[in-house]
Amino acid sequence: MGCVIGKGGGGGAGAGAPPPRRQRSDRHVSSGRRSQSSVSGTETGKLEAPEAAVAAEVAVEVEAGEALEEKPQRRRRPRNIPGQARGEQVAAGWPAWLSAVAGEAIKEWTPRRADSFEKLDKIGQGTYSNVYKARDSLTGKIVALKKVRFDNLEPESVKFMAREILILHRLDHSNVVKLEGLVTSRMSCSLYLVFEYMEHDLAGLAASPGIKFTEPQVKCYMHQLLSGLEHCHNRGVLHRDIKGSNLLLDNTGTLKIADFGLASFFDPNLKQPMTSRVVTLWYRPPELLLGATNYGVGVDLWSAGCILAELLAGKPIMPGRTEVEQLHKIFKLCGSPSEEYWKKSKLPHATIFKPQQPYKRCIAETFKDFPPSALPLVETLLAIDPANRLSATAALNSEFFTTPPYACEPSSLPQYPPSKEMDAKLRDAEARRLRAARGRANGDGTKKSRTRDRAPRAFPAPEANAELQANLDRRRLITHANGKSKSAKFPPPHQDGALGYALGSLHHMNHDPPDGSFSMVFPYRKGQPVSTWSGPLIDPATVGHQKRKEQ
């Protein structure tokens, strides 16, 4: 037995609507939210570090002891709710382990029974969560249930989830997915987040056979994406994982940004360290690949630029297999940073990855078939220096959206069969199974068929990069031997870059080897000290001072 969060102040799905923060529709019956002012004391917690079950992209946060993102103006610990309030939450149906750590995040929700949802199908899978299509038994409404696992009930892991709830509480926009409730079970160490159900994601549609987006469609999708990002950034939220599978679409053509598991609060006026191990590799901006820990909205805008170019090109534009190769592809397309940028940025990995010979920018030549109005927007969103990238607001006012053909209305978009990234994976798996079956039927042709099929899917690390990777891994092993790191729980950084799936299926991917030698692009001299991918994200002296103060 368990409970699902319903509207505040009521025990059932149809409880009275909460006082609105602003004019909005009252579509949701499974849960509600009270005043947004309640967030102010809860968004300041150290919520960055997940446990080992969280995606390897954020593993370094735990390893480095990062001072996790807090709401600016005052650095303080998460405010624990009083013992009496925790007791009330437990009496309302919350498990004590959740109330003790995430009490502030769940206090705006009231429970419903967990068995009031009927699982229909599994529609998504992540590193630490699964997503199911389900039916609300009380209303008959179809919803999406995101199951988050807490294998060891580690407080930092629970806080990581709590931050996602707080962020979703802060956001309220037609192009941002809406959290409708929470489900917790006393019989297991897990929590369900209840969302409105969306029939498609952009990755699944782009990978569907026979689907090719028109220019008005691309403008419609991009306008909605940038509108959602504009709202997030104006509310002080960085998404940090914009990619096709996190852009959901319903049958009315509405696009919504989803999966805020890696999102964070931020203040553009306050420099605060954050992890660089976020954003799926193909959509990760160069500053993060170079180890930046102070960044802003530019990371999301770079990802949006990759999505725009991908929708127009019909395939991923920079499908790197390792972080080093990803930087190589970025420099080949967007040009290498200027000397001024190298000097002012002082990025941790600049000495390792700075190319010997500068690359010229060739976006206009590479994408010469793009609509003329699209090229300036792609150019600015894919600026190497994040200071030169457009904001979401400026991008919405660009020539791309103000010249014909104009963006079509979402309601006029074609009706597609339900299609998600998982469907594309299943289609690819079935195609491979059929090819293997045909190969077995052909007898002698089996071996040849397998050889041809395997080649495009291989992801070998470039041989010329072996020395650099060996040194990075050797340094990590030394760190582990000293007993001062948790890195053994996670794969080497050049391997975890392959996590996540890009917009489009494997038949869209172009994994041609780079034209230039990696040893020429990213020089490494024997005896040169190599920085590890993990490192202190705050001043170690500050950490020591804080520990002494606590003692």
Protein backbone atom coordinates (compact mmCIF):
# COMPACT_ATOMS: atom_id res chain seq x y z
CA MET A 1 0.00 0.00 0.00
CA GLY A 2 1.19 3.46 -0.60
CA CYS A 3 0.06 6.93 -1.36
CA VAL A 4 -0.12 9.38 -4.22
CA ILE A 5 0.00 13.07 -3.73
CA GLY A 6 -3.22 14.85 -4.40
CA LYS A 7 -4.29 18.46 -4.24
CA GLY A 8 -3.12 20.28 -1.16
CA GLY A 9 -5.70 20.46 1.55
CA GLY A 10 -7.68 17.43 0.44
CA GLY A 11 -7.39 13.71 0.70
CA GLY A 12 -8.82 12.77 -2.66
CA ALA A 13 -8.34 13.44 -6.31
CA GLY A 14 -11.16 15.89 -6.47
CA ALA A 15 -10.15 18.04 -3.51
CA GLY A 16 -10.62 21.79 -3.78
CA ALA A 17 -8.31 23.71 -6.09
CA PRO A 18 -5.44 25.59 -4.41
CA PRO A 19 -5.18 29.37 -4.60
CA PRO A 20 -3.51 30.01 -7.98
CA ARG A 21 -0.20 31.81 -8.19
CA ARG A 22 -1.38 33.27 -11.47
CA GLN A 23 -4.04 32.65 -14.07
CA ARG A 24 -3.81 29.01 -15.13
CA SER A 25 -5.99 26.11 -16.10
CA ASP A 26 -7.22 23.68 -13.47
CA ARG A 27 -6.74 20.51 -15.47
CA HIS A 28 -5.10 18.32 -12.91
CA VAL A 29 -7.01 16.17 -10.50
CA SER A 30 -4.33 13.98 -8.99
CA SER A 31 -2.47 16.73 -7.19
CA GLY A 32 -2.14 20.46 -6.77
CA ARG A 33 0.30 23.06 -5.55
CA ARG A 34 -0.13 25.93 -3.17
CA SER A 35 1.60 29.28 -3.17
CA GLN A 36 4.92 29.52 -4.89
CA SER A 37 6.27 31.55 -2.00
CA SER A 38 6.74 28.33 -0.11
CA VAL A 39 9.65 27.46 -2.39
CA SER A 40 11.88 30.26 -1.18
CA GLY A 41 13.12 28.41 1.85
CA THR A 42 13.57 25.09 0.11
CA GLU A 43 15.47 25.78 -3.07
CA THR A 44 18.70 26.43 -1.21
CA GLY A 45 19.63 22.90 -0.31
CA LYS A 46 22.69 20.93 -1.36
CA LEU A 47 20.85 18.85 -3.87
CA GLU A 48 23.44 18.28 -6.56
CA ALA A 49 25.05 14.96 -5.63
CA PRO A 50 23.28 11.70 -6.45
CA GLU A 51 24.24 8.20 -5.34
CA ALA A 52 26.02 5.71 -7.56
CA ALA A 53 22.74 4.74 -9.21
CA VAL A 54 22.45 8.20 -10.77
CA ALA A 55 23.78 8.67 -14.30
CA ALA A 56 27.56 8.63 -14.59
CA GLU A 57 27.38 12.13 -16.06
CA VAL A 58 26.94 13.53 -12.53
CA ALA A 59 29.16 11.07 -10.68
CA VAL A 60 31.97 13.55 -10.28
CA GLU A 61 29.81 15.68 -8.00
CA VAL A 62 29.90 13.00 -5.31
CA GLU A 63 33.56 12.31 -5.93
CA ALA A 64 34.64 15.90 -5.76
CA GLY A 65 32.47 16.97 -2.87
CA GLU A 66 30.88 19.73 -4.88
CA ALA A 67 29.15 22.56 -3.07
CA LEU A 68 25.81 21.85 -4.59
CA GLU A 69 23.78 24.57 -6.19
CA GLU A 70 21.87 26.72 -3.81
CA LYS A 71 19.59 29.64 -4.22
CA PRO A 72 21.84 32.72 -4.25
CA GLN A 73 22.24 35.49 -1.69
CA ARG A 74 22.87 33.15 1.24
CA ARG A 75 24.68 29.84 1.40
CA ARG A 76 23.02 27.67 3.97
CA ARG A 77 22.03 24.11 4.62
CA PRO A 78 18.60 22.78 3.67
CA ARG A 79 16.04 23.86 6.22
CA ASN A 80 14.65 20.80 7.94
CA ILE A 81 10.98 20.95 8.74
CA PRO A 82 10.05 20.73 12.45
CA GLY A 83 9.57 17.33 14.02
CA GLN A 84 5.86 17.96 14.44
CA ALA A 85 5.46 18.63 10.71
CA ARG A 86 7.37 15.46 9.90
CA GLY A 87 5.05 13.55 12.18
CA GLU A 88 2.05 14.99 10.37
CA GLN A 89 3.52 13.94 7.02
CA VAL A 90 4.09 10.40 8.26
CA ALA A 91 0.54 10.30 9.61
CA ALA A 92 -0.71 11.48 6.21
CA GLY A 93 0.92 8.48 4.56
CA TRP A 94 4.50 9.53 3.80
CA PRO A 95 7.30 7.11 4.73
CA ALA A 96 9.54 8.48 7.47
CA TRP A 97 12.70 8.17 5.34
CA LEU A 98 11.22 10.50 2.72
CA SER A 99 9.81 13.04 5.15
CA ALA A 100 13.08 13.25 7.08
CA VAL A 101 15.12 14.21 4.00
CA ALA A 102 12.66 15.73 1.52
CA GLY A 103 10.02 17.15 3.83
CA GLU A 104 10.16 20.62 2.30
CA ALA A 105 9.70 19.23 -1.21
CA ILE A 106 6.63 17.15 -0.38
CA LYS A 107 4.84 19.43 2.05
CA GLU A 108 2.70 20.98 -0.71
CA TRP A 109 1.25 17.60 -1.67
CA THR A 110 -1.31 15.39 0.00
CA PRO A 111 -1.50 11.63 -0.49
CA ARG A 112 -3.70 9.32 -2.47
CA ARG A 113 -3.58 5.56 -2.56
CA ALA A 114 -0.85 4.09 -4.75
CA ASP A 115 -3.10 1.32 -6.01
CA SER A 116 -5.35 3.88 -7.66
CA PHE A 117 -3.07 3.79 -10.71
CA GLU A 118 -3.01 0.94 -13.21
CA LYS A 119 0.23 0.45 -15.13
CA LEU A 120 -0.37 -0.09 -18.84
CA ASP A 121 3.03 -0.11 -20.52
CA LYS A 122 6.68 0.78 -20.03
CA ILE A 123 7.50 3.77 -22.23
CA GLY A 124 10.93 4.88 -21.09
CA GLN A 125 14.02 3.82 -19.20
CA GLY A 126 16.88 5.77 -17.67
CA THR A 127 19.90 5.08 -15.52
CA TYR A 128 18.03 5.48 -12.26
CA SER A 129 14.37 5.61 -13.28
CA ASN A 130 11.73 3.97 -15.45
CA VAL A 131 8.67 5.60 -17.01
CA TYR A 132 5.31 3.89 -17.40
CA LYS A 133 2.07 4.70 -19.13
CA ALA A 134 -0.71 4.34 -16.55
CA ARG A 135 -4.39 5.00 -15.95
CA ASP A 136 -5.77 6.91 -12.98
CA SER A 137 -8.45 4.54 -11.71
CA LEU A 138 -10.43 7.38 -10.13
CA THR A 139 -10.71 9.57 -13.21
CA GLY A 140 -9.77 7.31 -16.11
CA LYS A 141 -7.12 9.82 -17.18
CA ILE A 142 -3.96 8.47 -18.83
CA VAL A 143 -0.78 9.66 -17.08
CA ALA A 144 2.96 8.96 -17.10
CA LEU A 145 4.53 7.51 -13.95
CA LYS A 146 8.26 8.07 -13.44
CA LYS A 147 9.57 5.56 -10.92
CA VAL A 148 12.70 6.73 -9.09
CA ARG A 149 14.63 4.04 -7.23
CA PHE A 150 16.43 4.58 -3.92
CA ASP A 151 18.29 1.34 -3.35
CA ASN A 152 20.07 2.41 -0.17
CA LEU A 153 17.92 5.38 0.90
CA GLU A 154 21.04 7.54 0.95
CA PRO A 155 20.04 11.10 1.93
CA GLU A 156 21.97 12.72 -0.93
CA SER A 157 20.13 10.52 -3.41
CA VAL A 158 16.76 11.52 -1.96
CA LYS A 159 17.76 15.20 -1.97
CA PHE A 160 18.69 14.87 -5.64
CA MET A 161 15.12 13.77 -6.38
CA ALA A 162 13.72 16.45 -4.07
CA ARG A 163 15.45 19.14 -6.11
CA GLU A 164 13.65 17.94 -9.24
CA ILE A 165 10.32 18.25 -7.40
CA LEU A 166 11.17 21.77 -6.20
CA ILE A 167 12.19 22.83 -9.71
CA LEU A 168 8.98 21.48 -11.23
CA HIS A 169 7.09 23.30 -8.47
CA ARG A 170 8.68 26.58 -9.55
CA LEU A 171 7.91 26.17 -13.27
CA ASP A 172 4.49 26.78 -14.80
CA HIS A 173 4.45 27.02 -18.59
CA SER A 174 2.63 25.39 -21.48
CA ASN A 175 5.95 24.15 -22.91
CA VAL A 176 7.23 22.61 -19.68
CA VAL A 177 5.95 19.25 -18.48
CA LYS A 178 3.68 19.51 -15.45
CA LEU A 179 4.07 17.46 -12.29
CA GLU A 180 0.61 16.28 -11.25
CA GLY A 181 1.39 14.22 -8.18
CA LEU A 182 3.66 11.89 -6.27
CA VAL A 183 3.21 8.24 -5.35
CA THR A 184 5.13 6.52 -2.58
CA SER A 185 4.93 2.96 -1.40
CA ARG A 186 5.63 1.87 2.15
CA MET A 187 6.59 -1.55 0.81
CA SER A 188 9.50 -0.39 -1.38
CA CYS A 189 12.25 2.20 -1.48
CA SER A 190 10.90 4.08 -4.48
CA LEU A 191 8.88 7.11 -5.43
CA TYR A 192 6.64 7.74 -8.44
CA LEU A 193 6.32 11.16 -10.04
CA VAL A 194 3.01 11.58 -11.87
CA PHE A 195 3.07 13.61 -15.09
CA GLU A 196 0.63 14.40 -17.84
CA TYR A 197 0.93 11.80 -20.58
CA MET A 198 2.54 12.77 -23.90
CA GLU A 199 2.21 10.46 -26.90
CA HIS A 200 5.55 11.18 -28.56
CA ASP A 201 9.05 12.48 -28.07
CA LEU A 202 11.04 14.30 -30.72
CA ALA A 203 13.68 11.57 -30.89
CA GLY A 204 11.07 8.91 -31.58
CA LEU A 205 9.39 10.95 -34.30
CA ALA A 206 12.66 11.86 -35.99
CA ALA A 207 13.63 8.18 -36.04
CA SER A 208 10.31 7.03 -37.47
CA PRO A 209 10.49 5.78 -41.07
CA GLY A 210 8.88 8.14 -43.55
CA ILE A 211 8.73 11.18 -41.25
CA LYS A 212 10.52 14.28 -42.54
CA PHE A 213 9.84 17.62 -40.92
CA THR A 214 9.02 20.64 -43.07
CA GLU A 215 10.48 24.07 -42.38
CA PRO A 216 7.23 25.36 -40.78
CA GLN A 217 7.19 22.25 -38.56
CA VAL A 218 10.79 22.80 -37.49
CA LYS A 219 9.99 26.43 -36.69
CA CYS A 220 6.96 25.34 -34.68
CA TYR A 221 8.95 22.85 -32.62
CA MET A 222 11.87 25.22 -32.08
CA HIS A 223 9.61 28.11 -31.10
CA GLN A 224 8.04 25.96 -28.41
CA LEU A 225 11.41 24.67 -27.21
CA LEU A 226 12.85 28.17 -26.93
CA SER A 227 9.68 29.45 -25.23
CA GLY A 228 10.00 26.72 -22.61
CA LEU A 229 13.70 27.48 -22.11
CA GLU A 230 12.94 31.20 -21.82
CA HIS A 231 10.54 30.43 -18.97
CA CYS A 232 13.03 28.13 -17.23
CA HIS A 233 15.85 30.66 -17.45
CA ASN A 234 13.65 33.53 -16.30
CA ARG A 235 12.71 31.42 -13.27
CA GLY A 236 16.36 30.70 -12.47
CA VAL A 237 16.47 27.10 -13.72
CA LEU A 238 19.03 25.43 -15.99
CA HIS A 239 17.79 22.20 -17.60
CA ARG A 240 21.25 20.79 -18.43
CA ASP A 241 20.05 17.87 -20.55
CA ILE A 242 18.23 19.19 -23.62
CA LYS A 243 17.99 16.41 -26.23
CA GLY A 244 15.34 14.90 -28.47
CA SER A 245 14.14 12.24 -26.05
CA ASN A 246 13.49 14.91 -23.39
CA LEU A 247 11.26 16.96 -25.70
CA LEU A 248 7.78 15.45 -25.50
CA LEU A 249 4.88 16.00 -27.91
CA ASP A 250 1.18 15.29 -27.59
CA ASN A 251 -1.42 14.76 -30.30
CA THR A 252 -2.28 18.47 -30.31
CA GLY A 253 1.25 19.32 -31.46
CA THR A 254 2.29 20.84 -28.13
CA LEU A 255 5.95 20.36 -27.21
CA LYS A 256 6.99 20.18 -23.56
CA ILE A 257 10.45 20.07 -22.02
CA ALA A 258 10.71 17.08 -19.69
CA ASP A 259 13.14 15.24 -17.39
CA PHE A 260 14.53 17.80 -14.96
CA GLY A 261 16.63 15.19 -13.18
CA LEU A 262 19.86 17.05 -14.00
CA ALA A 263 18.36 20.54 -13.75
CA SER A 264 19.60 23.07 -11.23
CA PHE A 265 18.75 26.44 -9.77
CA PHE A 266 21.10 29.27 -10.75
CA ASP A 267 21.58 33.02 -10.43
CA PRO A 268 23.28 34.81 -13.36
CA ASN A 269 24.53 37.48 -10.95
CA LEU A 270 26.26 35.02 -8.63
CA LYS A 271 29.14 32.74 -9.54
CA GLN A 272 28.69 29.37 -7.93
CA PRO A 273 30.45 26.13 -8.87
CA MET A 274 28.43 23.42 -10.59
CA THR A 275 29.47 20.12 -12.10
CA SER A 276 30.63 20.03 -15.72
CA ARG A 277 29.46 16.42 -16.13
CA VAL A 278 25.97 17.19 -17.42
CA VAL A 279 24.26 17.23 -20.84
CA THR A 280 24.31 14.17 -23.12
CA LEU A 281 27.58 14.08 -25.07
CA TRP A 282 26.32 15.00 -28.57
CA TYR A 283 24.59 18.10 -27.15
CA ARG A 284 27.25 19.13 -24.63
CA PRO A 285 28.83 22.56 -25.18
CA PRO A 286 32.61 22.98 -25.43
CA GLU A 287 32.97 24.83 -22.13
CA LEU A 288 31.64 21.80 -20.24
CA LEU A 289 33.93 19.46 -22.16
CA LEU A 290 36.79 21.74 -21.13
CA GLY A 291 35.79 21.45 -17.47
CA ALA A 292 33.93 24.70 -16.79
CA THR A 293 32.23 24.86 -13.39
CA ASN A 294 30.85 28.39 -13.69
CA TYR A 295 28.33 28.57 -16.50
CA GLY A 296 24.82 29.73 -17.28
CA VAL A 297 22.01 29.58 -19.81
CA GLY A 298 24.48 29.11 -22.66
CA VAL A 299 24.67 25.37 -21.99
CA ASP A 300 20.97 24.95 -22.78
CA LEU A 301 21.16 27.26 -25.81
CA TRP A 302 24.03 25.25 -27.30
CA SER A 303 21.92 22.09 -27.00
CA ALA A 304 19.00 23.91 -28.63
CA GLY A 305 21.28 24.90 -31.51
CA CYS A 306 22.27 21.25 -31.98
CA ILE A 307 18.57 20.28 -32.06
CA LEU A 308 17.76 22.98 -34.63
CA ALA A 309 20.58 21.92 -36.96
CA GLU A 310 19.64 18.28 -36.48
CA LEU A 311 16.00 18.82 -37.41
CA LEU A 312 17.04 20.66 -40.57
CA ALA A 313 19.82 18.22 -41.50
CA GLY A 314 17.84 15.07 -40.70
CA LYS A 315 20.64 13.55 -38.60
CA PRO A 316 22.84 14.39 -35.59
CA ILE A 317 25.42 16.98 -36.53
CA MET A 318 28.22 16.07 -34.08
CA PRO A 319 27.95 12.41 -33.00
CA GLY A 320 31.16 12.05 -31.01
CA ARG A 321 32.12 8.73 -29.44
CA THR A 322 34.32 10.12 -26.69
CA GLU A 323 34.69 13.50 -25.04
CA VAL A 324 37.93 14.10 -26.93
CA GLU A 325 36.33 13.25 -30.26
CA GLN A 326 33.34 15.43 -29.40
CA LEU A 327 35.63 18.43 -28.92
CA HIS A 328 37.36 17.58 -32.19
CA LYS A 329 34.04 17.59 -34.05
CA ILE A 330 33.02 20.86 -32.39
CA PHE A 331 36.27 22.58 -33.36
CA LYS A 332 36.08 21.26 -36.93
CA LEU A 333 32.56 22.64 -37.40
CA CYS A 334 32.50 25.71 -35.18
CA GLY A 335 36.16 26.68 -35.22
CA SER A 336 38.60 26.48 -32.34
CA PRO A 337 38.47 29.14 -29.61
CA SER A 338 40.42 32.35 -30.03
CA GLU A 339 43.54 33.05 -28.00
CA GLU A 340 41.57 35.69 -26.12
CA TYR A 341 38.99 33.07 -25.09
CA TRP A 342 41.66 30.61 -23.91
CA LYS A 343 43.22 33.34 -21.76
CA LYS A 344 40.04 34.72 -20.21
CA SER A 345 38.28 31.40 -19.60
CA LYS A 346 41.15 29.61 -17.83
CA LEU A 347 39.30 26.32 -18.20
CA PRO A 348 40.72 23.31 -16.33
CA HIS A 349 41.35 21.11 -19.38
CA ALA A 350 42.51 23.82 -21.78
CA THR A 351 46.16 22.73 -21.61
CA ILE A 352 45.23 19.18 -22.63
CA PHE A 353 42.70 19.89 -25.37
CA LYS A 354 43.94 23.10 -26.96
CA PRO A 355 44.63 22.23 -30.63
CA GLN A 356 48.07 23.00 -32.04
CA GLN A 357 46.59 24.36 -35.26
CA PRO A 358 43.48 26.56 -35.10
CA TYR A 359 40.37 25.46 -36.98
CA LYS A 360 38.33 27.78 -39.18
CA ARG A 361 34.60 28.02 -38.60
CA CYS A 362 32.65 26.37 -41.44
CA ILE A 363 29.00 26.24 -40.34
CA ALA A 364 27.76 28.22 -43.35
CA GLU A 365 29.63 25.96 -45.80
CA THR A 366 28.61 22.73 -44.06
CA PHE A 367 24.92 23.68 -43.88
CA LYS A 368 24.67 25.60 -47.15
CA ASP A 369 21.37 23.84 -47.92
CA PHE A 370 19.68 25.18 -44.78
CA PRO A 371 17.07 27.93 -45.20
CA PRO A 372 18.90 31.29 -45.36
CA SER A 373 17.07 32.59 -42.29
CA ALA A 374 18.15 29.57 -40.23
CA LEU A 375 21.91 29.98 -40.66
CA PRO A 376 22.31 33.13 -38.52
CA LEU A 377 20.42 31.47 -35.67
CA VAL A 378 22.48 28.29 -35.90
CA GLU A 379 25.66 30.38 -36.02
CA THR A 380 24.83 32.28 -32.84
CA LEU A 381 23.48 29.32 -30.85
CA LEU A 382 26.62 27.34 -31.71
CA ALA A 383 29.05 30.10 -30.77
CA ILE A 384 32.18 28.66 -29.14
CA ASP A 385 32.24 31.45 -26.55
CA PRO A 386 29.04 31.13 -24.46
CA ALA A 387 29.04 34.91 -24.00
CA ASN A 388 28.30 35.24 -27.73
CA ARG A 389 25.30 32.90 -27.77
CA LEU A 390 21.82 34.34 -28.02
CA SER A 391 19.47 34.17 -25.08
CA ALA A 392 16.23 32.26 -25.57
CA THR A 393 14.35 35.56 -25.77
CA ALA A 394 16.67 36.93 -28.46
CA ALA A 395 16.47 33.67 -30.39
CA LEU A 396 12.67 33.90 -30.44
CA ASN A 397 12.96 37.34 -32.03
CA SER A 398 15.45 36.22 -34.67
CA GLU A 399 14.91 36.33 -38.41
CA PHE A 400 14.24 32.59 -38.45
CA PHE A 401 10.84 33.11 -36.81
CA THR A 402 9.91 36.46 -38.39
CA THR A 403 10.29 35.56 -42.08
CA PRO A 404 8.17 33.23 -44.23
CA PRO A 405 7.42 30.42 -44.26
CA TYR A 406 6.20 31.03 -40.73
CA ALA A 407 5.91 28.47 -37.98
CA CYS A 408 2.72 26.47 -38.31
CA GLU A 409 0.22 26.25 -35.48
CA PRO A 410 0.77 23.21 -33.23
CA SER A 411 -2.81 22.10 -33.86
CA SER A 412 -2.10 21.92 -37.61
CA LEU A 413 0.81 19.49 -37.22
CA PRO A 414 0.29 16.00 -38.67
CA GLN A 415 -1.19 13.30 -36.44
CA TYR A 416 1.44 10.63 -35.89
CA PRO A 417 1.09 7.17 -34.34
CA PRO A 418 2.51 7.07 -30.79
CA SER A 419 6.28 7.11 -31.12
CA LYS A 420 8.96 7.41 -28.47
CA GLU A 421 12.68 6.83 -28.39
CA MET A 422 12.08 3.40 -26.89
CA ASP A 423 9.94 2.49 -29.92
CA ALA A 424 12.87 3.40 -32.19
CA LYS A 425 15.17 1.18 -30.16
CA LEU A 426 12.71 -1.70 -30.40
CA ARG A 427 12.44 -1.23 -34.18
CA ASP A 428 16.22 -1.30 -34.49
CA ALA A 429 16.45 -4.41 -32.30
CA GLU A 430 13.80 -6.16 -34.38
CA ALA A 431 15.58 -5.20 -37.60
CA ARG A 432 18.82 -6.67 -36.25
CA ARG A 433 16.99 -9.85 -35.23
CA LEU A 434 15.51 -10.24 -38.71
CA ARG A 435 18.89 -9.66 -40.35
CA ALA A 436 20.45 -12.29 -38.10
CA ALA A 437 17.63 -14.72 -38.92
CA ARG A 438 18.13 -14.16 -42.63
CA GLY A 439 21.84 -14.71 -42.17
CA ARG A 440 21.28 -18.04 -40.44
CA ALA A 441 18.91 -19.07 -43.22
CA ASN A 442 21.59 -18.24 -45.78
CA GLY A 443 24.05 -20.56 -44.08
CA ASP A 444 27.48 -19.54 -45.32
CA GLY A 445 26.42 -15.91 -45.57
CA THR A 446 25.85 -15.64 -41.82
CA LYS A 447 29.36 -14.57 -40.93
CA LYS A 448 29.54 -11.99 -43.71
CA SER A 449 26.15 -10.55 -42.81
CA ARG A 450 27.13 -10.12 -39.18
CA THR A 451 30.37 -8.44 -40.13
CA ARG A 452 28.55 -5.89 -42.29
CA ASP A 453 25.89 -5.24 -39.65
CA ARG A 454 28.28 -4.76 -36.79
CA ALA A 455 30.59 -2.23 -38.41
CA PRO A 456 28.29 0.84 -38.40
CA ARG A 457 27.37 0.22 -34.78
CA ALA A 458 30.92 -0.05 -33.44
CA PHE A 459 32.12 2.70 -31.11
CA PRO A 460 35.89 2.14 -30.77
CA ALA A 461 37.96 4.81 -29.09
CA PRO A 462 40.31 6.40 -31.64
CA GLU A 463 43.69 4.67 -31.50
CA ALA A 464 45.57 7.94 -31.63
CA ASN A 465 43.85 8.97 -28.43
CA ALA A 466 44.96 5.91 -26.47
CA GLU A 467 47.92 7.55 -24.73
CA LEU A 468 45.84 10.40 -23.38
CA GLN A 469 43.07 8.11 -22.17
CA ALA A 470 45.58 5.72 -20.58
CA ASN A 471 47.08 8.54 -18.57
CA LEU A 472 43.67 9.77 -17.46
CA ASP A 473 42.65 6.28 -16.37
CA ARG A 474 45.98 5.62 -14.65
CA ARG A 475 45.55 8.82 -12.66
CA ARG A 476 42.06 7.73 -11.61
CA LEU A 477 43.39 4.31 -10.52
CA ILE A 478 46.05 5.99 -8.40
CA THR A 479 43.37 8.14 -6.80
CA HIS A 480 41.29 5.06 -6.07
CA ALA A 481 44.29 3.24 -4.56
CA ASN A 482 44.73 6.09 -2.12
CA GLY A 483 41.20 5.50 -0.88
CA LYS A 484 40.17 9.09 -1.41
CA SER A 485 37.74 8.68 -4.28
CA LYS A 486 34.50 6.96 -5.17
CA SER A 487 35.39 6.87 -8.85
CA ALA A 488 35.52 3.05 -8.86
CA LYS A 489 31.73 3.06 -8.76
CA PHE A 490 31.55 4.75 -12.13
CA PRO A 491 32.98 4.05 -15.58
CA PRO A 492 35.97 6.05 -16.84
CA PRO A 493 34.88 9.47 -18.11
CA HIS A 494 35.63 8.69 -21.74
CA GLN A 495 33.21 5.76 -21.53
CA ASP A 496 30.30 7.45 -19.81
CA GLY A 497 30.14 9.97 -22.65
CA ALA A 498 28.24 7.39 -24.67
CA LEU A 499 25.29 7.50 -22.28
CA GLY A 500 22.00 8.73 -23.69
CA TYR A 501 20.56 8.54 -27.18
CA ALA A 502 20.44 11.22 -29.77
CA LEU A 503 17.71 12.57 -31.96
CA GLY A 504 17.20 9.92 -34.60
CA SER A 505 17.98 6.22 -34.77
CA LEU A 506 21.18 4.46 -35.66
CA HIS A 507 20.41 4.54 -39.36
CA HIS A 508 20.64 8.35 -39.12
CA MET A 509 23.99 8.31 -37.39
CA ASN A 510 27.19 9.14 -39.17
CA HIS A 511 30.14 7.62 -37.36
CA ASP A 512 32.78 8.35 -39.95
CA PRO A 513 36.23 8.64 -38.39
CA PRO A 514 37.60 12.17 -38.03
CA ASP A 515 39.63 13.52 -40.91
CA GLY A 516 42.56 14.64 -38.81
CA SER A 517 44.72 12.70 -36.38
CA PHE A 518 43.79 13.15 -32.74
CA SER A 519 47.47 13.32 -31.86
CA MET A 520 47.69 16.36 -34.15
CA VAL A 521 44.57 18.02 -32.77
CA PHE A 522 45.06 17.40 -29.06
CA PRO A 523 48.81 17.10 -28.38
CA TYR A 524 50.14 15.25 -25.39
CA ARG A 525 53.78 15.36 -24.34
CA LYS A 526 55.29 12.59 -22.26
CA GLY A 527 55.85 13.67 -18.69
CA GLN A 528 53.24 16.41 -18.91
CA PRO A 529 50.93 16.35 -15.85
CA VAL A 530 47.41 15.28 -16.70
CA SER A 531 44.44 16.64 -14.81
CA THR A 532 41.83 14.18 -13.66
CA TRP A 533 38.21 14.69 -14.64
CA SER A 534 37.23 14.95 -11.01
CA GLY A 535 38.52 17.75 -8.86
CA PRO A 536 37.53 20.20 -6.17
CA LEU A 537 34.60 22.27 -7.36
CA ILE A 538 34.91 24.68 -4.46
CA ASP A 539 37.86 26.13 -2.57
CA PRO A 540 39.26 23.23 -0.44
CA ALA A 541 40.14 25.72 2.26
CA THR A 542 36.49 26.71 2.46
CA VAL A 543 35.47 23.09 2.87
CA GLY A 544 38.00 22.58 5.65
CA HIS A 545 36.87 25.73 7.40
CA GLN A 546 33.25 24.62 7.22
CA LYS A 547 34.08 21.19 8.68
CA ARG A 548 36.00 22.75 11.56
CA LYS A 549 33.09 25.09 12.19
CA GLU A 550 30.64 22.19 12.31
CA GLN A 551 32.86 20.31 14.76
